[in-house]
Amino acid sequence: MRELQSSLRHVMSAIENLRDDLKALSDTIWANIDHNDPVSLQQGFKFKQAFNDRWIPLDEAAEALWRLLQEQRAEEEVEAEPVKPKSEARSKTKAGKERLPEVKVAGAQEAGEGEPQVPEEPMAEAEPEVESDFKGKTPFGLILGGRTFTSPSDWGLFYQVFLQELCKQNPEAFDRLPERKAWRDARGKPLFGRAGEVLRRPLEVTDRLFAEADLPLNLMLQSMRKLARELQVPPDSLKILLKENRRGTVETKPLAA
């Protein structure tokens, strides 16, 4: 049961990444056409049209497959074993089982002597369904503290730009992320590492810090929001620039939920 759930999550994430990569490639193809040269324009348009003829049906099929896997995953979750009683969960907590070493959160208030510290919890597993405000849209930049930063039209590369800009403001906090339990997913996989080899799809934040990009969009958004809260970024000073895939309309949306 768990192996099937893990495989479903992995393939659903791969489908999301493939769709994002193909959308980014479509934008790149169009941007690299020399629109002032008639020959280049004709050749570029011919290639773009051929690409669209194959890409759009593939994108629609990928979305249909993603929804099929989502339905199967929901059925598997219903058939899963019930959650253990809270009393039993509490007894395990008191016994200290399955606990990683506690790490203090940067900027958190120190606990008084003799007061137990609340251990950090890993990231909750994000629902597979993409939030309605972000469905069918791709990012092309962000606004942070009144400054605008552009990015490729791909959620993974946008995530990289987001992390790099926040890291510049607080490098010490970012440097501690690989060791913190709070920055692991629900299966215990790290979301940050000091070497790209420890991650499935590493994104370089700095030359000694990498982030996991093989994430469902909702978990990626959850990570961005959590970082913004930890670094005490005012909600109204952080916005995402979004483009609607089908109609091409643009909007500015606050990251805060």
C-alpha atoms as a PDB file:
ATOM      1  CA  MET A   1       0.000   0.000   0.000  1.00  0.00           C
ATOM      2  CA  ARG A   2       2.701   2.467   0.973  1.00  0.00           C
ATOM      3  CA  GLU A   3       4.811   1.550  -2.049  1.00  0.00           C
ATOM      4  CA  LEU A   4       1.869   2.262  -4.371  1.00  0.00           C
ATOM      5  CA  GLN A   5       1.157   5.583  -2.660  1.00  0.00           C
ATOM      6  CA  SER A   6       4.809   6.547  -2.984  1.00  0.00           C
ATOM      7  CA  SER A   7       4.856   5.579  -6.674  1.00  0.00           C
ATOM      8  CA  LEU A   8       1.663   7.512  -7.356  1.00  0.00           C
ATOM      9  CA  ARG A   9       3.071  10.635  -5.694  1.00  0.00           C
ATOM     10  CA  HIS A  10       6.352  10.311  -7.590  1.00  0.00           C
ATOM     11  CA  VAL A  11       4.728   9.881 -11.002  1.00  0.00           C
ATOM     12  CA  MET A  12       2.220  12.686 -10.373  1.00  0.00           C
ATOM     13  CA  SER A  13       5.093  14.985  -9.482  1.00  0.00           C
ATOM     14  CA  ALA A  14       6.986  13.882 -12.609  1.00  0.00           C
ATOM     15  CA  ILE A  15       3.952  14.662 -14.769  1.00  0.00           C
ATOM     16  CA  GLU A  16       3.691  18.140 -13.231  1.00  0.00           C
ATOM     17  CA  ASN A  17       7.386  18.754 -13.861  1.00  0.00           C
ATOM     18  CA  LEU A  18       7.139  17.527 -17.466  1.00  0.00           C
ATOM     19  CA  ARG A  19       4.192  19.806 -18.181  1.00  0.00           C
ATOM     20  CA  ASP A  20       6.036  22.762 -16.654  1.00  0.00           C
ATOM     21  CA  ASP A  21       9.195  21.982 -18.635  1.00  0.00           C
ATOM     22  CA  LEU A  22       7.310  21.725 -21.929  1.00  0.00           C
ATOM     23  CA  LYS A  23       5.498  24.988 -21.224  1.00  0.00           C
ATOM     24  CA  ALA A  24       8.828  26.678 -20.498  1.00  0.00           C
ATOM     25  CA  LEU A  25      10.254  25.230 -23.735  1.00  0.00           C
ATOM     26  CA  SER A  26       7.279  26.590 -25.673  1.00  0.00           C
ATOM     27  CA  ASP A  27       7.947  30.076 -24.292  1.00  0.00           C
ATOM     28  CA  THR A  28      11.663  29.757 -25.083  1.00  0.00           C
ATOM     29  CA  ILE A  29      11.009  28.687 -28.680  1.00  0.00           C
ATOM     30  CA  TRP A  30       8.766  31.709 -29.250  1.00  0.00           C
ATOM     31  CA  ALA A  31      11.174  34.127 -27.572  1.00  0.00           C
ATOM     32  CA  ASN A  32      14.102  32.952 -29.724  1.00  0.00           C
ATOM     33  CA  ILE A  33      12.407  33.607 -33.066  1.00  0.00           C
ATOM     34  CA  ASP A  34      13.819  36.642 -34.869  1.00  0.00           C
ATOM     35  CA  HIS A  35      10.544  38.389 -35.644  1.00  0.00           C
ATOM     36  CA  ASN A  36      12.296  41.025 -37.769  1.00  0.00           C
ATOM     37  CA  ASP A  37      13.790  38.533 -40.224  1.00  0.00           C
ATOM     38  CA  PRO A  38      11.121  37.186 -42.626  1.00  0.00           C
ATOM     39  CA  VAL A  39      12.979  33.904 -43.253  1.00  0.00           C
ATOM     40  CA  SER A  40      13.681  33.293 -39.573  1.00  0.00           C
ATOM     41  CA  LEU A  41      10.117  34.234 -38.692  1.00  0.00           C
ATOM     42  CA  GLN A  42       8.687  31.779 -41.213  1.00  0.00           C
ATOM     43  CA  GLN A  43      10.967  28.955 -40.123  1.00  0.00           C
ATOM     44  CA  GLY A  44      10.426  29.670 -36.442  1.00  0.00           C
ATOM     45  CA  PHE A  45       6.657  29.834 -36.844  1.00  0.00           C
ATOM     46  CA  LYS A  46       6.669  26.536 -38.776  1.00  0.00           C
ATOM     47  CA  PHE A  47       8.619  24.813 -35.998  1.00  0.00           C
ATOM     48  CA  LYS A  48       6.457  26.389 -33.277  1.00  0.00           C
ATOM     49  CA  GLN A  49       3.287  25.240 -35.016  1.00  0.00           C
ATOM     50  CA  ALA A  50       4.645  21.695 -35.358  1.00  0.00           C
ATOM     51  CA  PHE A  51       5.657  21.768 -31.687  1.00  0.00           C
ATOM     52  CA  ASN A  52       2.185  22.936 -30.645  1.00  0.00           C
ATOM     53  CA  ASP A  53       0.499  20.217 -32.735  1.00  0.00           C
ATOM     54  CA  ARG A  54       2.320  17.584 -30.696  1.00  0.00           C
ATOM     55  CA  TRP A  55       2.639  19.355 -27.366  1.00  0.00           C
ATOM     56  CA  ILE A  56      -0.990  20.381 -26.764  1.00  0.00           C
ATOM     57  CA  PRO A  57      -2.448  16.848 -27.165  1.00  0.00           C
ATOM     58  CA  LEU A  58       0.376  15.502 -24.985  1.00  0.00           C
ATOM     59  CA  ASP A  59      -0.354  18.126 -22.323  1.00  0.00           C
ATOM     60  CA  GLU A  60      -4.054  17.222 -22.345  1.00  0.00           C
ATOM     61  CA  ALA A  61      -3.248  13.500 -22.113  1.00  0.00           C
ATOM     62  CA  ALA A  62      -0.797  14.147 -19.264  1.00  0.00           C
ATOM     63  CA  GLU A  63      -3.450  16.097 -17.361  1.00  0.00           C
ATOM     64  CA  ALA A  64      -5.975  13.278 -17.863  1.00  0.00           C
ATOM     65  CA  LEU A  65      -3.437  10.715 -16.622  1.00  0.00           C
ATOM     66  CA  TRP A  66      -2.608  12.920 -13.614  1.00  0.00           C
ATOM     67  CA  ARG A  67      -6.295  13.084 -12.663  1.00  0.00           C
ATOM     68  CA  LEU A  68      -6.639   9.301 -13.036  1.00  0.00           C
ATOM     69  CA  LEU A  69      -3.719   8.769 -10.660  1.00  0.00           C
ATOM     70  CA  GLN A  70      -5.201  11.313  -8.283  1.00  0.00           C
ATOM     71  CA  GLU A  71      -8.494   9.391  -8.182  1.00  0.00           C
ATOM     72  CA  GLN A  72      -6.664   6.120  -7.555  1.00  0.00           C
ATOM     73  CA  ARG A  73      -4.618   7.698  -4.793  1.00  0.00           C
ATOM     74  CA  ALA A  74      -7.797   8.957  -3.109  1.00  0.00           C
ATOM     75  CA  GLU A  75      -9.282   5.449  -3.228  1.00  0.00           C
ATOM     76  CA  GLU A  76      -6.100   3.964  -1.753  1.00  0.00           C
ATOM     77  CA  GLU A  77      -6.197   6.475   1.094  1.00  0.00           C
ATOM     78  CA  VAL A  78      -9.780   5.519   1.929  1.00  0.00           C
ATOM     79  CA  GLU A  79      -8.764   1.844   2.148  1.00  0.00           C
ATOM     80  CA  ALA A  80      -5.702   2.623   4.262  1.00  0.00           C
ATOM     81  CA  GLU A  81      -5.502   1.615   7.892  1.00  0.00           C
ATOM     82  CA  PRO A  82      -7.201   3.989  10.342  1.00  0.00           C
ATOM     83  CA  VAL A  83      -5.105   6.451  12.284  1.00  0.00           C
ATOM     84  CA  LYS A  84      -4.005   5.166  15.693  1.00  0.00           C
ATOM     85  CA  PRO A  85      -5.731   6.628  18.766  1.00  0.00           C
ATOM     86  CA  LYS A  86      -4.320   9.896  20.046  1.00  0.00           C
ATOM     87  CA  SER A  87      -3.587   8.350  23.418  1.00  0.00           C
ATOM     88  CA  GLU A  88      -1.278   5.813  21.792  1.00  0.00           C
ATOM     89  CA  ALA A  89       0.400   8.520  19.724  1.00  0.00           C
ATOM     90  CA  ARG A  90       0.984  10.552  22.883  1.00  0.00           C
ATOM     91  CA  SER A  91       2.531   7.581  24.686  1.00  0.00           C
ATOM     92  CA  LYS A  92       4.992   7.151  21.831  1.00  0.00           C
ATOM     93  CA  THR A  93       5.877  10.805  22.014  1.00  0.00           C
ATOM     94  CA  LYS A  94       6.580  10.553  25.717  1.00  0.00           C
ATOM     95  CA  ALA A  95       8.697   7.487  25.140  1.00  0.00           C
ATOM     96  CA  GLY A  96      10.798   9.503  22.715  1.00  0.00           C
ATOM     97  CA  LYS A  97      10.441   7.110  19.798  1.00  0.00           C
ATOM     98  CA  GLU A  98      11.112   8.184  16.228  1.00  0.00           C
ATOM     99  CA  ARG A  99      12.358  11.633  17.226  1.00  0.00           C
ATOM    100  CA  LEU A 100      15.185  13.406  15.430  1.00  0.00           C
ATOM    101  CA  PRO A 101      17.467  15.733  17.411  1.00  0.00           C
ATOM    102  CA  GLU A 102      15.747  19.012  18.217  1.00  0.00           C
ATOM    103  CA  VAL A 103      17.013  22.066  16.393  1.00  0.00           C
ATOM    104  CA  LYS A 104      16.303  25.614  17.429  1.00  0.00           C
ATOM    105  CA  VAL A 105      14.533  27.744  14.853  1.00  0.00           C
ATOM    106  CA  ALA A 106      16.453  30.827  13.795  1.00  0.00           C
ATOM    107  CA  GLY A 107      15.017  33.856  15.532  1.00  0.00           C
ATOM    108  CA  ALA A 108      12.803  31.799  17.861  1.00  0.00           C
ATOM    109  CA  GLN A 109      12.474  32.870  21.482  1.00  0.00           C
ATOM    110  CA  GLU A 110      14.626  30.846  23.867  1.00  0.00           C
ATOM    111  CA  ALA A 111      12.734  28.593  26.245  1.00  0.00           C
ATOM    112  CA  GLY A 112      13.264  29.101  29.971  1.00  0.00           C
ATOM    113  CA  GLU A 113      15.295  26.678  32.008  1.00  0.00           C
ATOM    114  CA  GLY A 114      13.378  23.530  32.763  1.00  0.00           C
ATOM    115  CA  GLU A 115      10.750  24.273  30.102  1.00  0.00           C
ATOM    116  CA  PRO A 116      10.377  21.568  27.439  1.00  0.00           C
ATOM    117  CA  GLN A 117      11.018  22.754  23.897  1.00  0.00           C
ATOM    118  CA  VAL A 118       8.515  21.842  21.184  1.00  0.00           C
ATOM    119  CA  PRO A 119      10.357  19.784  18.549  1.00  0.00           C
ATOM    120  CA  GLU A 120      10.122  20.811  14.933  1.00  0.00           C
ATOM    121  CA  GLU A 121       7.719  18.852  12.769  1.00  0.00           C
ATOM    122  CA  PRO A 122       8.399  17.903   9.142  1.00  0.00           C
ATOM    123  CA  MET A 123       6.486  19.528   6.322  1.00  0.00           C
ATOM    124  CA  ALA A 124       2.933  18.252   6.035  1.00  0.00           C
ATOM    125  CA  GLU A 125       2.193  16.271   2.916  1.00  0.00           C
ATOM    126  CA  ALA A 126       0.530  18.621   0.430  1.00  0.00           C
ATOM    127  CA  GLU A 127      -2.716  17.651  -1.241  1.00  0.00           C
ATOM    128  CA  PRO A 128      -2.231  16.644  -4.888  1.00  0.00           C
ATOM    129  CA  GLU A 129      -4.917  19.049  -6.098  1.00  0.00           C
ATOM    130  CA  VAL A 130      -3.371  22.385  -7.061  1.00  0.00           C
ATOM    131  CA  GLU A 131      -4.888  25.428  -5.369  1.00  0.00           C
ATOM    132  CA  SER A 132      -7.502  27.031  -7.610  1.00  0.00           C
ATOM    133  CA  ASP A 133      -5.705  30.402  -7.597  1.00  0.00           C
ATOM    134  CA  PHE A 134      -2.611  28.767  -9.145  1.00  0.00           C
ATOM    135  CA  LYS A 135      -4.165  26.106 -11.383  1.00  0.00           C
ATOM    136  CA  GLY A 136      -3.457  26.566 -15.074  1.00  0.00           C
ATOM    137  CA  LYS A 137      -0.999  29.399 -14.439  1.00  0.00           C
ATOM    138  CA  THR A 138       2.755  29.783 -14.681  1.00  0.00           C
ATOM    139  CA  PRO A 139       5.015  32.265 -12.862  1.00  0.00           C
ATOM    140  CA  PHE A 140       7.279  34.742 -14.573  1.00  0.00           C
ATOM    141  CA  GLY A 141       8.631  36.684 -11.603  1.00  0.00           C
ATOM    142  CA  LEU A 142       8.107  37.961  -8.096  1.00  0.00           C
ATOM    143  CA  ILE A 143       7.924  41.244  -6.247  1.00  0.00           C
ATOM    144  CA  LEU A 144       9.948  41.329  -3.025  1.00  0.00           C
ATOM    145  CA  GLY A 145      10.259  44.446  -0.917  1.00  0.00           C
ATOM    146  CA  GLY A 146       9.258  46.715  -3.787  1.00  0.00           C
ATOM    147  CA  ARG A 147      11.753  45.163  -6.247  1.00  0.00           C
ATOM    148  CA  THR A 148      10.732  42.999  -9.207  1.00  0.00           C
ATOM    149  CA  PHE A 149      12.681  39.861 -10.128  1.00  0.00           C
ATOM    150  CA  THR A 150      11.945  37.968 -13.348  1.00  0.00           C
ATOM    151  CA  SER A 151      12.172  34.210 -13.785  1.00  0.00           C
ATOM    152  CA  PRO A 152      11.570  31.571 -16.480  1.00  0.00           C
ATOM    153  CA  SER A 153       7.966  30.392 -16.880  1.00  0.00           C
ATOM    154  CA  ASP A 154       8.581  27.237 -14.868  1.00  0.00           C
ATOM    155  CA  TRP A 155       7.661  26.618 -11.233  1.00  0.00           C
ATOM    156  CA  GLY A 156      10.932  24.849 -10.437  1.00  0.00           C
ATOM    157  CA  LEU A 157      13.103  27.655 -11.825  1.00  0.00           C
ATOM    158  CA  PHE A 158      10.858  30.260 -10.226  1.00  0.00           C
ATOM    159  CA  TYR A 159      11.372  28.468  -6.899  1.00  0.00           C
ATOM    160  CA  GLN A 160      15.124  28.758  -7.461  1.00  0.00           C
ATOM    161  CA  VAL A 161      14.925  32.533  -8.035  1.00  0.00           C
ATOM    162  CA  PHE A 162      12.694  32.868  -4.962  1.00  0.00           C
ATOM    163  CA  LEU A 163      15.149  30.965  -2.745  1.00  0.00           C
ATOM    164  CA  GLN A 164      18.204  32.808  -4.070  1.00  0.00           C
ATOM    165  CA  GLU A 165      16.716  36.219  -3.391  1.00  0.00           C
ATOM    166  CA  LEU A 166      15.560  35.323   0.137  1.00  0.00           C
ATOM    167  CA  CYS A 167      18.914  33.688   0.846  1.00  0.00           C
ATOM    168  CA  LYS A 168      20.718  36.926   0.003  1.00  0.00           C
ATOM    169  CA  GLN A 169      18.736  38.633   2.774  1.00  0.00           C
ATOM    170  CA  ASN A 170      19.343  35.992   5.449  1.00  0.00           C
ATOM    171  CA  PRO A 171      22.164  33.570   4.509  1.00  0.00           C
ATOM    172  CA  GLU A 172      22.671  32.367   8.098  1.00  0.00           C
ATOM    173  CA  ALA A 173      19.102  31.051   8.358  1.00  0.00           C
ATOM    174  CA  PHE A 174      19.362  29.288   5.003  1.00  0.00           C
ATOM    175  CA  ASP A 175      22.661  27.674   5.958  1.00  0.00           C
ATOM    176  CA  ARG A 176      20.920  25.776   8.782  1.00  0.00           C
ATOM    177  CA  LEU A 177      18.059  24.376   6.689  1.00  0.00           C
ATOM    178  CA  PRO A 178      19.686  21.014   5.711  1.00  0.00           C
ATOM    179  CA  GLU A 179      20.008  19.961   9.361  1.00  0.00           C
ATOM    180  CA  ARG A 180      16.511  20.922  10.449  1.00  0.00           C
ATOM    181  CA  LYS A 181      13.749  18.330  10.712  1.00  0.00           C
ATOM    182  CA  ALA A 182      11.206  21.004   9.818  1.00  0.00           C
ATOM    183  CA  TRP A 183      12.646  21.031   6.306  1.00  0.00           C
ATOM    184  CA  ARG A 184      11.937  17.419   5.451  1.00  0.00           C
ATOM    185  CA  ASP A 185       8.840  16.180   3.676  1.00  0.00           C
ATOM    186  CA  ALA A 186       6.262  13.839   5.203  1.00  0.00           C
ATOM    187  CA  ARG A 187       8.372  10.814   4.177  1.00  0.00           C
ATOM    188  CA  GLY A 188      11.533  12.191   5.793  1.00  0.00           C
ATOM    189  CA  LYS A 189      13.213  13.199   2.529  1.00  0.00           C
ATOM    190  CA  PRO A 190      15.286  16.387   2.830  1.00  0.00           C
ATOM    191  CA  LEU A 191      14.099  19.520   1.066  1.00  0.00           C
ATOM    192  CA  PHE A 192      17.572  21.089   1.294  1.00  0.00           C
ATOM    193  CA  GLY A 193      21.070  19.639   1.146  1.00  0.00           C
ATOM    194  CA  ARG A 194      24.706  20.675   1.092  1.00  0.00           C
ATOM    195  CA  ALA A 195      25.301  18.552  -2.018  1.00  0.00           C
ATOM    196  CA  GLY A 196      23.067  18.034  -5.004  1.00  0.00           C
ATOM    197  CA  GLU A 197      23.545  14.245  -4.850  1.00  0.00           C
ATOM    198  CA  VAL A 198      21.298  13.932  -1.784  1.00  0.00           C
ATOM    199  CA  LEU A 199      18.296  15.332  -3.687  1.00  0.00           C
ATOM    200  CA  ARG A 200      16.244  13.926  -6.569  1.00  0.00           C
ATOM    201  CA  ARG A 201      16.140  17.144  -8.623  1.00  0.00           C
ATOM    202  CA  PRO A 202      18.549  19.639  -7.053  1.00  0.00           C
ATOM    203  CA  LEU A 203      18.359  23.389  -7.566  1.00  0.00           C
ATOM    204  CA  GLU A 204      21.455  25.409  -6.714  1.00  0.00           C
ATOM    205  CA  VAL A 205      20.697  28.146  -4.190  1.00  0.00           C
ATOM    206  CA  THR A 206      24.356  28.852  -3.372  1.00  0.00           C
ATOM    207  CA  ASP A 207      27.559  26.941  -4.082  1.00  0.00           C
ATOM    208  CA  ARG A 208      27.047  25.028  -0.821  1.00  0.00           C
ATOM    209  CA  LEU A 209      23.246  24.817  -0.580  1.00  0.00           C
ATOM    210  CA  PHE A 210      20.801  22.994  -2.852  1.00  0.00           C
ATOM    211  CA  ALA A 211      16.997  22.710  -2.788  1.00  0.00           C
ATOM    212  CA  GLU A 212      14.714  19.879  -3.866  1.00  0.00           C
ATOM    213  CA  ALA A 213      12.699  20.815  -6.984  1.00  0.00           C
ATOM    214  CA  ASP A 214      10.942  17.452  -7.452  1.00  0.00           C
ATOM    215  CA  LEU A 215       7.921  18.627  -5.464  1.00  0.00           C
ATOM    216  CA  PRO A 216       4.174  18.885  -6.061  1.00  0.00           C
ATOM    217  CA  LEU A 217       3.229  22.520  -6.619  1.00  0.00           C
ATOM    218  CA  ASN A 218       1.293  22.736  -3.361  1.00  0.00           C
ATOM    219  CA  LEU A 219       4.296  21.526  -1.340  1.00  0.00           C
ATOM    220  CA  MET A 220       6.491  24.040  -3.166  1.00  0.00           C
ATOM    221  CA  LEU A 221       4.037  26.838  -2.275  1.00  0.00           C
ATOM    222  CA  GLN A 222       3.896  25.557   1.310  1.00  0.00           C
ATOM    223  CA  SER A 223       7.693  25.723   1.489  1.00  0.00           C
ATOM    224  CA  MET A 224       7.783  29.300   0.141  1.00  0.00           C
ATOM    225  CA  ARG A 225       5.152  30.462   2.621  1.00  0.00           C
ATOM    226  CA  LYS A 226       6.903  28.785   5.534  1.00  0.00           C
ATOM    227  CA  LEU A 227      10.226  30.411   4.613  1.00  0.00           C
ATOM    228  CA  ALA A 228       8.582  33.808   4.325  1.00  0.00           C
ATOM    229  CA  ARG A 229       7.031  33.412   7.795  1.00  0.00           C
ATOM    230  CA  GLU A 230      10.298  32.243   9.372  1.00  0.00           C
ATOM    231  CA  LEU A 231      12.211  35.172   7.867  1.00  0.00           C
ATOM    232  CA  GLN A 232       9.396  37.529   8.946  1.00  0.00           C
ATOM    233  CA  VAL A 233       8.801  38.839   5.438  1.00  0.00           C
ATOM    234  CA  PRO A 234       5.693  41.089   5.535  1.00  0.00           C
ATOM    235  CA  PRO A 235       2.893  39.366   3.587  1.00  0.00           C
ATOM    236  CA  ASP A 236       2.115  42.478   1.552  1.00  0.00           C
ATOM    237  CA  SER A 237       5.734  42.825   0.392  1.00  0.00           C
ATOM    238  CA  LEU A 238       5.933  39.424  -1.339  1.00  0.00           C
ATOM    239  CA  LYS A 239       3.881  38.757  -4.482  1.00  0.00           C
ATOM    240  CA  ILE A 240       4.045  36.331  -7.406  1.00  0.00           C
ATOM    241  CA  LEU A 241       3.609  37.431 -11.019  1.00  0.00           C
ATOM    242  CA  LEU A 242       1.402  34.868 -12.751  1.00  0.00           C
ATOM    243  CA  LYS A 243       0.344  34.250 -16.346  1.00  0.00           C
ATOM    244  CA  GLU A 244      -2.800  32.325 -17.261  1.00  0.00           C
ATOM    245  CA  ASN A 245      -1.751  29.562 -19.660  1.00  0.00           C
ATOM    246  CA  ARG A 246      -4.718  29.536 -22.004  1.00  0.00           C
ATOM    247  CA  ARG A 247      -5.654  33.231 -22.298  1.00  0.00           C
ATOM    248  CA  GLY A 248      -2.293  34.786 -21.502  1.00  0.00           C
ATOM    249  CA  THR A 249      -3.721  37.205 -18.933  1.00  0.00           C
ATOM    250  CA  VAL A 250      -1.386  38.300 -16.117  1.00  0.00           C
ATOM    251  CA  GLU A 251      -1.959  39.031 -12.440  1.00  0.00           C
ATOM    252  CA  THR A 252      -0.087  39.793  -9.256  1.00  0.00           C
ATOM    253  CA  LYS A 253      -0.969  37.518  -6.354  1.00  0.00           C
ATOM    254  CA  PRO A 254       0.237  37.700  -2.725  1.00  0.00           C
ATOM    255  CA  LEU A 255       2.029  34.539  -1.656  1.00  0.00           C
ATOM    256  CA  ALA A 256       0.340  34.475   1.761  1.00  0.00           C
ATOM    257  CA  ALA A 257      -2.572  32.056   2.009  1.00  0.00           C
END
